[in-house]
Amino acid sequence: MKKTKLLLKTITKLVEVSFREGRVVESQIGKQLKLLKSLPNHEAIWAIGEYLKELKRRQRQHTMYIETVIPLSPAQIKKAKKIVEKRVKITRVLTAINPEILGGFKLKVGDNVWDESILGKLNQVREEILNGRSN
């Protein structure tokens, strides 16, 4: 158990070294993987898996996903990014078109989700009505 905790701490430090200003430093990834491969086989496999999971999680913290009904202009995307960057450095922006949200937008950064879509608002009203009936 102590060995696993120590290895997890080490993996966390390796992930930190693999990022600079919210961006992945590819040259560091190779070095970190080589270091983890030097562990005994069963530990190396587990550690590399954990390292890659943590890299992806960390990268999601700096990726902004925007879902809208119509395509956004570059200016709209830039404005949204500027607003979000008051809280966290954004290194990648992904957009998606989803007519099911009816209007507005859904924005996700890391574990934070802002649902300002019409569908989201309708679902909130629906929940309010259902919760009001059960009381």
C-alpha atoms as a PDB file:
ATOM      1  CA  MET A   1       0.000   0.000   0.000  1.00  0.00           C
ATOM      2  CA  LYS A   2       2.785   2.443   0.894  1.00  0.00           C
ATOM      3  CA  LYS A   3       4.552   1.533  -2.330  1.00  0.00           C
ATOM      4  CA  THR A   4       1.427   2.345  -4.367  1.00  0.00           C
ATOM      5  CA  LYS A   5       0.961   5.714  -2.623  1.00  0.00           C
ATOM      6  CA  LEU A   6       4.588   6.589  -3.234  1.00  0.00           C
ATOM      7  CA  LEU A   7       4.294   5.557  -6.878  1.00  0.00           C
ATOM      8  CA  LEU A   8       1.138   7.677  -7.283  1.00  0.00           C
ATOM      9  CA  LYS A   9       2.943  10.688  -5.811  1.00  0.00           C
ATOM     10  CA  THR A  10       5.811  10.087  -8.217  1.00  0.00           C
ATOM     11  CA  ILE A  11       3.383   9.834 -11.157  1.00  0.00           C
ATOM     12  CA  THR A  12       1.754  13.114 -10.124  1.00  0.00           C
ATOM     13  CA  LYS A  13       5.157  14.814 -10.094  1.00  0.00           C
ATOM     14  CA  LEU A  14       6.025  13.316 -13.482  1.00  0.00           C
ATOM     15  CA  VAL A  15       2.774  14.679 -14.910  1.00  0.00           C
ATOM     16  CA  GLU A  16       3.531  18.138 -13.507  1.00  0.00           C
ATOM     17  CA  VAL A  17       6.917  18.089 -15.239  1.00  0.00           C
ATOM     18  CA  SER A  18       5.180  17.058 -18.480  1.00  0.00           C
ATOM     19  CA  PHE A  19       3.220  20.340 -18.623  1.00  0.00           C
ATOM     20  CA  ARG A  20       4.353  23.914 -19.088  1.00  0.00           C
ATOM     21  CA  GLU A  21       1.800  26.740 -19.072  1.00  0.00           C
ATOM     22  CA  GLY A  22      -1.036  24.269 -19.527  1.00  0.00           C
ATOM     23  CA  ARG A  23       0.548  22.610 -22.564  1.00  0.00           C
ATOM     24  CA  VAL A  24       2.001  19.143 -22.899  1.00  0.00           C
ATOM     25  CA  VAL A  25       5.783  19.119 -23.323  1.00  0.00           C
ATOM     26  CA  GLU A  26       6.269  16.179 -25.655  1.00  0.00           C
ATOM     27  CA  SER A  27       9.991  15.836 -24.983  1.00  0.00           C
ATOM     28  CA  GLN A  28       9.216  15.303 -21.298  1.00  0.00           C
ATOM     29  CA  ILE A  29       6.680  12.560 -21.990  1.00  0.00           C
ATOM     30  CA  GLY A  30       9.305  10.344 -23.597  1.00  0.00           C
ATOM     31  CA  LYS A  31      11.621  10.837 -20.628  1.00  0.00           C
ATOM     32  CA  GLN A  32       8.866  10.066 -18.127  1.00  0.00           C
ATOM     33  CA  LEU A  33       7.770   6.928 -19.984  1.00  0.00           C
ATOM     34  CA  LYS A  34      11.363   5.699 -20.149  1.00  0.00           C
ATOM     35  CA  LEU A  35      11.652   6.230 -16.392  1.00  0.00           C
ATOM     36  CA  LEU A  36       8.418   4.319 -15.711  1.00  0.00           C
ATOM     37  CA  LYS A  37       9.453   1.493 -18.048  1.00  0.00           C
ATOM     38  CA  SER A  38      12.452   0.875 -15.802  1.00  0.00           C
ATOM     39  CA  LEU A  39      10.126  -0.394 -13.048  1.00  0.00           C
ATOM     40  CA  PRO A  40       9.385  -4.117 -12.705  1.00  0.00           C
ATOM     41  CA  ASN A  41       6.983  -5.171 -15.484  1.00  0.00           C
ATOM     42  CA  HIS A  42       3.736  -5.359 -13.481  1.00  0.00           C
ATOM     43  CA  GLU A  43       4.426  -1.994 -11.811  1.00  0.00           C
ATOM     44  CA  ALA A  44       5.547  -0.404 -15.082  1.00  0.00           C
ATOM     45  CA  ILE A  45       2.347  -1.376 -16.870  1.00  0.00           C
ATOM     46  CA  TRP A  46       0.183  -0.036 -14.059  1.00  0.00           C
ATOM     47  CA  ALA A  47       2.275   3.145 -13.626  1.00  0.00           C
ATOM     48  CA  ILE A  48       2.288   3.969 -17.344  1.00  0.00           C
ATOM     49  CA  GLY A  49      -1.496   3.531 -17.452  1.00  0.00           C
ATOM     50  CA  GLU A  50      -1.926   5.850 -14.461  1.00  0.00           C
ATOM     51  CA  TYR A  51       0.501   8.367 -15.941  1.00  0.00           C
ATOM     52  CA  LEU A  52      -1.399   8.462 -19.250  1.00  0.00           C
ATOM     53  CA  LYS A  53      -4.768   8.786 -17.453  1.00  0.00           C
ATOM     54  CA  GLU A  54      -3.436  11.674 -15.395  1.00  0.00           C
ATOM     55  CA  LEU A  55      -1.980  13.349 -18.510  1.00  0.00           C
ATOM     56  CA  LYS A  56      -5.388  13.197 -20.210  1.00  0.00           C
ATOM     57  CA  ARG A  57      -7.134  14.501 -17.089  1.00  0.00           C
ATOM     58  CA  ARG A  58      -4.687  17.367 -16.823  1.00  0.00           C
ATOM     59  CA  GLN A  59      -5.064  18.187 -20.505  1.00  0.00           C
ATOM     60  CA  ARG A  60      -8.875  18.290 -20.121  1.00  0.00           C
ATOM     61  CA  GLN A  61      -8.411  20.960 -17.441  1.00  0.00           C
ATOM     62  CA  HIS A  62      -6.976  23.243 -20.136  1.00  0.00           C
ATOM     63  CA  THR A  63      -9.368  22.298 -22.950  1.00  0.00           C
ATOM     64  CA  MET A  64     -12.568  24.242 -23.551  1.00  0.00           C
ATOM     65  CA  TYR A  65     -15.426  22.367 -25.225  1.00  0.00           C
ATOM     66  CA  ILE A  66     -18.234  24.494 -26.665  1.00  0.00           C
ATOM     67  CA  GLU A  67     -21.450  22.933 -27.935  1.00  0.00           C
ATOM     68  CA  THR A  68     -23.875  25.104 -29.947  1.00  0.00           C
ATOM     69  CA  VAL A  69     -26.679  24.784 -32.479  1.00  0.00           C
ATOM     70  CA  ILE A  70     -24.894  26.847 -35.120  1.00  0.00           C
ATOM     71  CA  PRO A  71     -21.185  27.251 -35.819  1.00  0.00           C
ATOM     72  CA  LEU A  72     -19.476  29.992 -33.806  1.00  0.00           C
ATOM     73  CA  SER A  73     -17.390  32.649 -35.477  1.00  0.00           C
ATOM     74  CA  PRO A  74     -13.707  32.853 -34.589  1.00  0.00           C
ATOM     75  CA  ALA A  75     -14.471  36.126 -32.759  1.00  0.00           C
ATOM     76  CA  GLN A  76     -17.136  34.412 -30.608  1.00  0.00           C
ATOM     77  CA  ILE A  77     -14.768  31.567 -29.767  1.00  0.00           C
ATOM     78  CA  LYS A  78     -12.015  34.056 -28.903  1.00  0.00           C
ATOM     79  CA  LYS A  79     -14.381  36.010 -26.632  1.00  0.00           C
ATOM     80  CA  ALA A  80     -15.512  32.839 -24.822  1.00  0.00           C
ATOM     81  CA  LYS A  81     -11.891  31.749 -24.383  1.00  0.00           C
ATOM     82  CA  LYS A  82     -10.922  35.159 -22.997  1.00  0.00           C
ATOM     83  CA  ILE A  83     -13.724  34.981 -20.410  1.00  0.00           C
ATOM     84  CA  VAL A  84     -12.819  31.441 -19.323  1.00  0.00           C
ATOM     85  CA  GLU A  85      -9.107  32.279 -19.154  1.00  0.00           C
ATOM     86  CA  LYS A  86      -9.832  34.596 -16.239  1.00  0.00           C
ATOM     87  CA  ARG A  87     -10.057  31.338 -14.258  1.00  0.00           C
ATOM     88  CA  VAL A  88      -7.842  28.824 -16.086  1.00  0.00           C
ATOM     89  CA  LYS A  89      -5.328  28.784 -18.956  1.00  0.00           C
ATOM     90  CA  ILE A  90      -6.965  27.380 -22.109  1.00  0.00           C
ATOM     91  CA  THR A  91      -4.623  25.679 -24.557  1.00  0.00           C
ATOM     92  CA  ARG A  92      -7.168  23.997 -26.807  1.00  0.00           C
ATOM     93  CA  VAL A  93     -10.704  24.794 -27.914  1.00  0.00           C
ATOM     94  CA  LEU A  94     -13.019  22.162 -29.351  1.00  0.00           C
ATOM     95  CA  THR A  95     -16.413  23.011 -30.796  1.00  0.00           C
ATOM     96  CA  ALA A  96     -19.371  20.825 -31.671  1.00  0.00           C
ATOM     97  CA  ILE A  97     -22.694  21.408 -33.368  1.00  0.00           C
ATOM     98  CA  ASN A  98     -25.653  19.844 -31.543  1.00  0.00           C
ATOM     99  CA  PRO A  99     -29.145  20.800 -32.791  1.00  0.00           C
ATOM    100  CA  GLU A 100     -30.705  18.924 -29.861  1.00  0.00           C
ATOM    101  CA  ILE A 101     -29.792  21.711 -27.407  1.00  0.00           C
ATOM    102  CA  LEU A 102     -32.243  23.980 -29.345  1.00  0.00           C
ATOM    103  CA  GLY A 103     -30.262  27.197 -28.719  1.00  0.00           C
ATOM    104  CA  GLY A 104     -27.719  28.768 -26.405  1.00  0.00           C
ATOM    105  CA  PHE A 105     -24.582  26.829 -25.577  1.00  0.00           C
ATOM    106  CA  LYS A 106     -22.954  24.255 -23.327  1.00  0.00           C
ATOM    107  CA  LEU A 107     -19.413  24.922 -22.250  1.00  0.00           C
ATOM    108  CA  LYS A 108     -17.129  22.491 -20.447  1.00  0.00           C
ATOM    109  CA  VAL A 109     -13.649  22.964 -18.995  1.00  0.00           C
ATOM    110  CA  GLY A 110     -12.268  20.111 -16.898  1.00  0.00           C
ATOM    111  CA  ASP A 111     -15.054  19.031 -14.543  1.00  0.00           C
ATOM    112  CA  ASN A 112     -16.915  22.345 -14.806  1.00  0.00           C
ATOM    113  CA  VAL A 113     -19.977  22.526 -17.071  1.00  0.00           C
ATOM    114  CA  TRP A 114     -22.008  25.617 -17.883  1.00  0.00           C
ATOM    115  CA  ASP A 115     -25.279  24.664 -19.559  1.00  0.00           C
ATOM    116  CA  GLU A 116     -26.874  27.797 -20.959  1.00  0.00           C
ATOM    117  CA  SER A 117     -28.808  25.901 -23.612  1.00  0.00           C
ATOM    118  CA  ILE A 118     -32.552  26.050 -24.080  1.00  0.00           C
ATOM    119  CA  LEU A 119     -32.734  22.289 -23.534  1.00  0.00           C
ATOM    120  CA  GLY A 120     -30.790  22.714 -20.280  1.00  0.00           C
ATOM    121  CA  LYS A 121     -33.178  25.435 -19.098  1.00  0.00           C
ATOM    122  CA  LEU A 122     -36.217  23.297 -20.012  1.00  0.00           C
ATOM    123  CA  ASN A 123     -34.750  20.377 -18.061  1.00  0.00           C
ATOM    124  CA  GLN A 124     -34.201  22.661 -15.052  1.00  0.00           C
ATOM    125  CA  VAL A 125     -37.847  23.790 -15.168  1.00  0.00           C
ATOM    126  CA  ARG A 126     -38.971  20.170 -15.530  1.00  0.00           C
ATOM    127  CA  GLU A 127     -36.914  19.180 -12.458  1.00  0.00           C
ATOM    128  CA  GLU A 128     -38.380  22.095 -10.476  1.00  0.00           C
ATOM    129  CA  ILE A 129     -41.907  20.982 -11.361  1.00  0.00           C
ATOM    130  CA  LEU A 130     -41.218  17.326 -10.547  1.00  0.00           C
ATOM    131  CA  ASN A 131     -39.526  18.198  -7.243  1.00  0.00           C
ATOM    132  CA  GLY A 132     -42.388  20.539  -6.364  1.00  0.00           C
ATOM    133  CA  ARG A 133     -44.942  17.750  -6.850  1.00  0.00           C
ATOM    134  CA  SER A 134     -43.094  15.322  -4.589  1.00  0.00           C
ATOM    135  CA  ASN A 135     -43.024  17.792  -1.646  1.00  0.00           C
END
